[in-house]
PDB file of N, CA and C in Angstrom:
ATOM      1  N   MET A   1       3.812  45.347 -27.237  1.00  0.00           N
ATOM      2  CA  MET A   1       3.933  44.991 -25.832  1.00  0.00           C
ATOM      3  C   MET A   1       4.693  43.680 -25.710  1.00  0.00           C
ATOM      4  N   TYR A   2       5.350  43.530 -24.593  1.00  0.00           N
ATOM      5  CA  TYR A   2       6.127  42.332 -24.345  1.00  0.00           C
ATOM      6  C   TYR A   2       5.685  41.715 -23.027  1.00  0.00           C
ATOM      7  N   PHE A   3       5.252  40.474 -23.090  1.00  0.00           N
ATOM      8  CA  PHE A   3       4.842  39.764 -21.894  1.00  0.00           C
ATOM      9  C   PHE A   3       5.778  38.575 -21.712  1.00  0.00           C
ATOM     10  N   SER A   4       6.290  38.426 -20.549  1.00  0.00           N
ATOM     11  CA  SER A   4       7.166  37.285 -20.302  1.00  0.00           C
ATOM     12  C   SER A   4       6.565  36.404 -19.210  1.00  0.00           C
ATOM     13  N   LYS A   5       6.924  35.160 -19.268  1.00  0.00           N
ATOM     14  CA  LYS A   5       6.470  34.236 -18.243  1.00  0.00           C
ATOM     15  C   LYS A   5       7.257  34.485 -16.967  1.00  0.00           C
ATOM     16  N   LYS A   6       6.628  34.260 -15.857  1.00  0.00           N
ATOM     17  CA  LYS A   6       7.342  34.379 -14.596  1.00  0.00           C
ATOM     18  C   LYS A   6       8.368  33.250 -14.506  1.00  0.00           C
ATOM     19  N   ALA A   7       9.461  33.542 -13.883  1.00  0.00           N
ATOM     20  CA  ALA A   7      10.487  32.519 -13.704  1.00  0.00           C
ATOM     21  C   ALA A   7       9.947  31.418 -12.794  1.00  0.00           C
ATOM     22  N   ALA A   8      10.150  30.182 -13.216  1.00  0.00           N
ATOM     23  CA  ALA A   8       9.673  29.056 -12.424  1.00  0.00           C
ATOM     24  C   ALA A   8      10.523  28.923 -11.168  1.00  0.00           C
ATOM     25  N   GLU A   9       9.872  28.578 -10.074  1.00  0.00           N
ATOM     26  CA  GLU A   9      10.600  28.387  -8.827  1.00  0.00           C
ATOM     27  C   GLU A   9      11.427  27.115  -8.917  1.00  0.00           C
ATOM     28  N   ALA A  10      12.587  27.156  -8.329  1.00  0.00           N
ATOM     29  CA  ALA A  10      13.456  25.985  -8.328  1.00  0.00           C
ATOM     30  C   ALA A  10      12.824  24.884  -7.470  1.00  0.00           C
ATOM     31  N   VAL A  11      12.877  23.670  -7.966  1.00  0.00           N
ATOM     32  CA  VAL A  11      12.314  22.536  -7.241  1.00  0.00           C
ATOM     33  C   VAL A  11      13.309  22.130  -6.151  1.00  0.00           C
ATOM     34  N   GLN A  12      12.829  22.038  -4.927  1.00  0.00           N
ATOM     35  CA  GLN A  12      13.694  21.635  -3.821  1.00  0.00           C
ATOM     36  C   GLN A  12      13.974  20.145  -3.920  1.00  0.00           C
ATOM     37  N   GLU A  13      15.250  19.786  -3.844  1.00  0.00           N
ATOM     38  CA  GLU A  13      15.646  18.381  -3.893  1.00  0.00           C
ATOM     39  C   GLU A  13      16.347  18.009  -2.604  1.00  0.00           C
ATOM     40  N   GLU A  14      16.285  16.720  -2.279  1.00  0.00           N
ATOM     41  CA  GLU A  14      16.972  16.224  -1.097  1.00  0.00           C
ATOM     42  C   GLU A  14      17.489  14.816  -1.361  1.00  0.00           C
ATOM     43  N   GLN A  15      18.480  14.402  -0.616  1.00  0.00           N
ATOM     44  CA  GLN A  15      19.025  13.054  -0.719  1.00  0.00           C
ATOM     45  C   GLN A  15      17.952  12.102  -0.193  1.00  0.00           C
ATOM     46  N   THR A  16      17.498  11.178  -1.024  1.00  0.00           N
ATOM     47  CA  THR A  16      16.367  10.310  -0.696  1.00  0.00           C
ATOM     48  C   THR A  16      16.771   8.847  -0.800  1.00  0.00           C
ATOM     49  N   ASP A  17      16.367   8.051   0.193  1.00  0.00           N
ATOM     50  CA  ASP A  17      16.602   6.608   0.151  1.00  0.00           C
ATOM     51  C   ASP A  17      15.678   5.985  -0.882  1.00  0.00           C
ATOM     52  N   ILE A  18      16.235   5.107  -1.704  1.00  0.00           N
ATOM     53  CA  ILE A  18      15.446   4.415  -2.724  1.00  0.00           C
ATOM     54  C   ILE A  18      15.778   2.930  -2.721  1.00  0.00           C
ATOM     55  N   TRP A  19      14.910   2.144  -3.356  1.00  0.00           N
ATOM     56  CA  TRP A  19      15.192   0.752  -3.688  1.00  0.00           C
ATOM     57  C   TRP A  19      15.416   0.709  -5.179  1.00  0.00           C
ATOM     58  N   GLN A  20      16.511   0.089  -5.619  1.00  0.00           N
ATOM     59  CA  GLN A  20      16.859   0.002  -7.028  1.00  0.00           C
ATOM     60  C   GLN A  20      17.026  -1.457  -7.404  1.00  0.00           C
ATOM     61  N   CYS A  21      16.534  -1.830  -8.584  1.00  0.00           N
ATOM     62  CA  CYS A  21      16.622  -3.210  -9.042  1.00  0.00           C
ATOM     63  C   CYS A  21      18.079  -3.625  -9.189  1.00  0.00           C
ATOM     64  N   SER A  22      18.391  -4.850  -8.769  1.00  0.00           N
ATOM     65  CA  SER A  22      19.770  -5.350  -8.840  1.00  0.00           C
ATOM     66  C   SER A  22      20.146  -5.870 -10.230  1.00  0.00           C
ATOM     67  N   THR A  23      19.164  -6.060 -11.111  1.00  0.00           N
ATOM     68  CA  THR A  23      19.439  -6.513 -12.481  1.00  0.00           C
ATOM     69  C   THR A  23      19.987  -5.343 -13.297  1.00  0.00           C
ATOM     70  N   GLU A  24      21.067  -5.581 -14.020  1.00  0.00           N
ATOM     71  CA  GLU A  24      21.773  -4.513 -14.739  1.00  0.00           C
ATOM     72  C   GLU A  24      20.894  -3.736 -15.725  1.00  0.00           C
ATOM     73  N   GLY A  25      20.107  -4.392 -16.549  1.00  0.00           N
ATOM     74  CA  GLY A  25      19.340  -3.698 -17.573  1.00  0.00           C
ATOM     75  C   GLY A  25      17.990  -3.174 -17.122  1.00  0.00           C
ATOM     76  N   CYS A  26      17.575  -3.469 -15.917  1.00  0.00           N
ATOM     77  CA  CYS A  26      16.246  -3.065 -15.436  1.00  0.00           C
ATOM     78  C   CYS A  26      16.297  -1.637 -14.878  1.00  0.00           C
ATOM     79  N   PRO A  27      15.437  -0.746 -15.362  1.00  0.00           N
ATOM     80  CA  PRO A  27      15.453   0.644 -14.910  1.00  0.00           C
ATOM     81  C   PRO A  27      14.600   0.907 -13.658  1.00  0.00           C
ATOM     82  N   CYS A  28      14.022  -0.113 -13.078  1.00  0.00           N
ATOM     83  CA  CYS A  28      13.061   0.065 -11.991  1.00  0.00           C
ATOM     84  C   CYS A  28      13.717   0.563 -10.706  1.00  0.00           C
ATOM     85  N   TRP A  29      13.071   1.523 -10.055  1.00  0.00           N
ATOM     86  CA  TRP A  29      13.451   1.990  -8.733  1.00  0.00           C
ATOM     87  C   TRP A  29      12.220   2.588  -8.077  1.00  0.00           C
ATOM     88  N   MET A  30      12.246   2.710  -6.745  1.00  0.00           N
ATOM     89  CA  MET A  30      11.138   3.326  -6.013  1.00  0.00           C
ATOM     90  C   MET A  30      11.669   3.987  -4.748  1.00  0.00           C
ATOM     91  N   ARG A  31      10.965   4.998  -4.297  1.00  0.00           N
ATOM     92  CA  ARG A  31      11.338   5.633  -3.039  1.00  0.00           C
ATOM     93  C   ARG A  31      11.114   4.638  -1.903  1.00  0.00           C
ATOM     94  N   ALA A  32      12.036   4.607  -0.962  1.00  0.00           N
ATOM     95  CA  ALA A  32      11.952   3.652   0.141  1.00  0.00           C
ATOM     96  C   ALA A  32      10.709   3.897   1.001  1.00  0.00           C
ATOM     97  N   ASN A  33      10.341   5.147   1.214  1.00  0.00           N
ATOM     98  CA  ASN A  33       9.172   5.411   2.066  1.00  0.00           C
ATOM     99  C   ASN A  33       7.839   5.213   1.349  1.00  0.00           C
ATOM    100  N   PHE A  34       7.852   4.827   0.070  1.00  0.00           N
ATOM    101  CA  PHE A  34       6.631   4.497  -0.659  1.00  0.00           C
ATOM    102  C   PHE A  34       6.534   3.004  -0.965  1.00  0.00           C
ATOM    103  N   ALA A  35       7.510   2.216  -0.505  1.00  0.00           N
ATOM    104  CA  ALA A  35       7.488   0.770  -0.738  1.00  0.00           C
ATOM    105  C   ALA A  35       6.481   0.115   0.206  1.00  0.00           C
ATOM    106  N   PHE A  36       5.851  -0.964  -0.257  1.00  0.00           N
ATOM    107  CA  PHE A  36       4.866  -1.670   0.553  1.00  0.00           C
ATOM    108  C   PHE A  36       5.501  -2.713   1.462  1.00  0.00           C
ATOM    109  N   GLU A  37       6.731  -3.126   1.162  1.00  0.00           N
ATOM    110  CA  GLU A  37       7.406  -4.170   1.936  1.00  0.00           C
ATOM    111  C   GLU A  37       8.727  -3.629   2.470  1.00  0.00           C
ATOM    112  N   GLU A  38       9.276  -4.277   3.495  1.00  0.00           N
ATOM    113  CA  GLU A  38      10.561  -3.869   4.049  1.00  0.00           C
ATOM    114  C   GLU A  38      11.693  -4.095   3.055  1.00  0.00           C
ATOM    115  N   THR A  39      11.699  -5.229   2.366  1.00  0.00           N
ATOM    116  CA  THR A  39      12.679  -5.525   1.316  1.00  0.00           C
ATOM    117  C   THR A  39      11.901  -5.976   0.073  1.00  0.00           C
ATOM    118  N   PRO A  40      11.531  -5.028  -0.793  1.00  0.00           N
ATOM    119  CA  PRO A  40      10.682  -5.365  -1.940  1.00  0.00           C
ATOM    120  C   PRO A  40      11.433  -6.098  -3.046  1.00  0.00           C
ATOM    121  N   ASP A  41      10.672  -6.801  -3.873  1.00  0.00           N
ATOM    122  CA  ASP A  41      11.175  -7.390  -5.112  1.00  0.00           C
ATOM    123  C   ASP A  41      10.794  -6.451  -6.245  1.00  0.00           C
ATOM    124  N   CYS A  42      11.559  -6.484  -7.319  1.00  0.00           N
ATOM    125  CA  CYS A  42      11.301  -5.621  -8.464  1.00  0.00           C
ATOM    126  C   CYS A  42       9.940  -5.960  -9.068  1.00  0.00           C
ATOM    127  N   PRO A  43       9.060  -4.975  -9.246  1.00  0.00           N
ATOM    128  CA  PRO A  43       7.749  -5.250  -9.830  1.00  0.00           C
ATOM    129  C   PRO A  43       7.815  -5.562 -11.324  1.00  0.00           C
ATOM    130  N   ILE A  44       8.934  -5.261 -11.982  1.00  0.00           N
ATOM    131  CA  ILE A  44       9.065  -5.513 -13.413  1.00  0.00           C
ATOM    132  C   ILE A  44       9.647  -6.896 -13.686  1.00  0.00           C
ATOM    133  N   CYS A  45      10.797  -7.208 -13.045  1.00  0.00           N
ATOM    134  CA  CYS A  45      11.479  -8.469 -13.369  1.00  0.00           C
ATOM    135  C   CYS A  45      11.553  -9.441 -12.176  1.00  0.00           C
ATOM    136  N   GLN A  46      10.970  -9.092 -11.044  1.00  0.00           N
ATOM    137  CA  GLN A  46      10.923  -9.915  -9.833  1.00  0.00           C
ATOM    138  C   GLN A  46      12.298 -10.242  -9.251  1.00  0.00           C
ATOM    139  N   SER A  47      13.341  -9.481  -9.566  1.00  0.00           N
ATOM    140  CA  SER A  47      14.658  -9.650  -8.959  1.00  0.00           C
ATOM    141  C   SER A  47      14.672  -8.950  -7.604  1.00  0.00           C
ATOM    142  N   SER A  48      15.710  -9.205  -6.833  1.00  0.00           N
ATOM    143  CA  SER A  48      15.827  -8.509  -5.555  1.00  0.00           C
ATOM    144  C   SER A  48      16.216  -7.055  -5.812  1.00  0.00           C
ATOM    145  N   MET A  49      15.912  -6.200  -4.855  1.00  0.00           N
ATOM    146  CA  MET A  49      16.245  -4.785  -4.977  1.00  0.00           C
ATOM    147  C   MET A  49      17.268  -4.428  -3.904  1.00  0.00           C
ATOM    148  N   ILE A  50      18.113  -3.453  -4.219  1.00  0.00           N
ATOM    149  CA  ILE A  50      19.136  -3.018  -3.281  1.00  0.00           C
ATOM    150  C   ILE A  50      18.883  -1.571  -2.882  1.00  0.00           C
ATOM    151  N   LYS A  51      19.276  -1.212  -1.665  1.00  0.00           N
ATOM    152  CA  LYS A  51      19.068   0.133  -1.157  1.00  0.00           C
ATOM    153  C   LYS A  51      20.131   1.064  -1.725  1.00  0.00           C
ATOM    154  N   ASP A  52      19.725   2.277  -2.081  1.00  0.00           N
ATOM    155  CA  ASP A  52      20.615   3.278  -2.648  1.00  0.00           C
ATOM    156  C   ASP A  52      20.047   4.647  -2.301  1.00  0.00           C
ATOM    157  N   THR A  53      20.686   5.720  -2.748  1.00  0.00           N
ATOM    158  CA  THR A  53      20.171   7.072  -2.550  1.00  0.00           C
ATOM    159  C   THR A  53      20.248   7.840  -3.855  1.00  0.00           C
ATOM    160  N   ARG A  54      19.360   8.831  -3.999  1.00  0.00           N
ATOM    161  CA  ARG A  54      19.327   9.718  -5.170  1.00  0.00           C
ATOM    162  C   ARG A  54      18.899  11.101  -4.718  1.00  0.00           C
ATOM    163  N   MET A  55      19.300  12.100  -5.498  1.00  0.00           N
ATOM    164  CA  MET A  55      18.799  13.455  -5.285  1.00  0.00           C
ATOM    165  C   MET A  55      17.464  13.546  -6.027  1.00  0.00           C
ATOM    166  N   LEU A  56      16.374  13.688  -5.264  1.00  0.00           N
ATOM    167  CA  LEU A  56      15.033  13.718  -5.843  1.00  0.00           C
ATOM    168  C   LEU A  56      14.245  14.901  -5.292  1.00  0.00           C
ATOM    169  N   PRO A  57      13.232  15.347  -6.025  1.00  0.00           N
ATOM    170  CA  PRO A  57      12.371  16.400  -5.495  1.00  0.00           C
ATOM    171  C   PRO A  57      11.727  15.962  -4.182  1.00  0.00           C
ATOM    172  N   THR A  58      11.566  16.895  -3.283  1.00  0.00           N
ATOM    173  CA  THR A  58      11.015  16.608  -1.977  1.00  0.00           C
ATOM    174  C   THR A  58       9.540  16.236  -2.089  1.00  0.00           C
ATOM    175  N   LEU A  59       9.175  15.084  -1.538  1.00  0.00           N
ATOM    176  CA  LEU A  59       7.789  14.638  -1.436  1.00  0.00           C
ATOM    177  C   LEU A  59       7.573  14.161  -0.021  1.00  0.00           C
ATOM    178  N   SER A  60       6.348  14.210   0.437  1.00  0.00           N
ATOM    179  CA  SER A  60       6.064  13.661   1.751  1.00  0.00           C
ATOM    180  C   SER A  60       4.998  12.574   1.612  1.00  0.00           C
ATOM    181  N   ASN A  61       5.213  11.496   2.332  1.00  0.00           N
ATOM    182  CA  ASN A  61       4.272  10.377   2.356  1.00  0.00           C
ATOM    183  C   ASN A  61       3.440  10.538   3.616  1.00  0.00           C
ATOM    184  N   ILE A  62       2.181  10.955   3.457  1.00  0.00           N
ATOM    185  CA  ILE A  62       1.354  11.250   4.619  1.00  0.00           C
ATOM    186  C   ILE A  62       0.500  10.073   5.066  1.00  0.00           C
ATOM    187  N   SER A  63       0.719   8.900   4.483  1.00  0.00           N
ATOM    188  CA  SER A  63      -0.041   7.741   4.919  1.00  0.00           C
ATOM    189  C   SER A  63       0.394   7.371   6.328  1.00  0.00           C
ATOM    190  N   GLY A  64      -0.464   6.763   7.080  1.00  0.00           N
ATOM    191  CA  GLY A  64      -0.168   6.402   8.458  1.00  0.00           C
ATOM    192  C   GLY A  64       0.718   5.191   8.589  1.00  0.00           C
ATOM    193  N   LYS A  65       1.098   4.588   7.470  1.00  0.00           N
ATOM    194  CA  LYS A  65       1.847   3.334   7.506  1.00  0.00           C
ATOM    195  C   LYS A  65       3.268   3.518   8.036  1.00  0.00           C
ATOM    196  N   ARG A  66       3.957   4.592   7.645  1.00  0.00           N
ATOM    197  CA  ARG A  66       5.362   4.791   8.059  1.00  0.00           C
ATOM    198  C   ARG A  66       5.515   6.041   8.829  1.00  0.00           C
TER     199      ARG A  66
END
């Protein structure tokens, strides 16, 4: 007998606003709608962060904050 796994559903992605660390070697980034501040500092190296966009899986932030 032959059993195969079901094909995994494709993950829906969308263009998402993010904050990205301005320091060249720092890999830190976060989704803009999950940030605690309007203009956050990098939690790893404390540098300023710049706004950018990425194609990311769709998530929803259901907190009442934003």
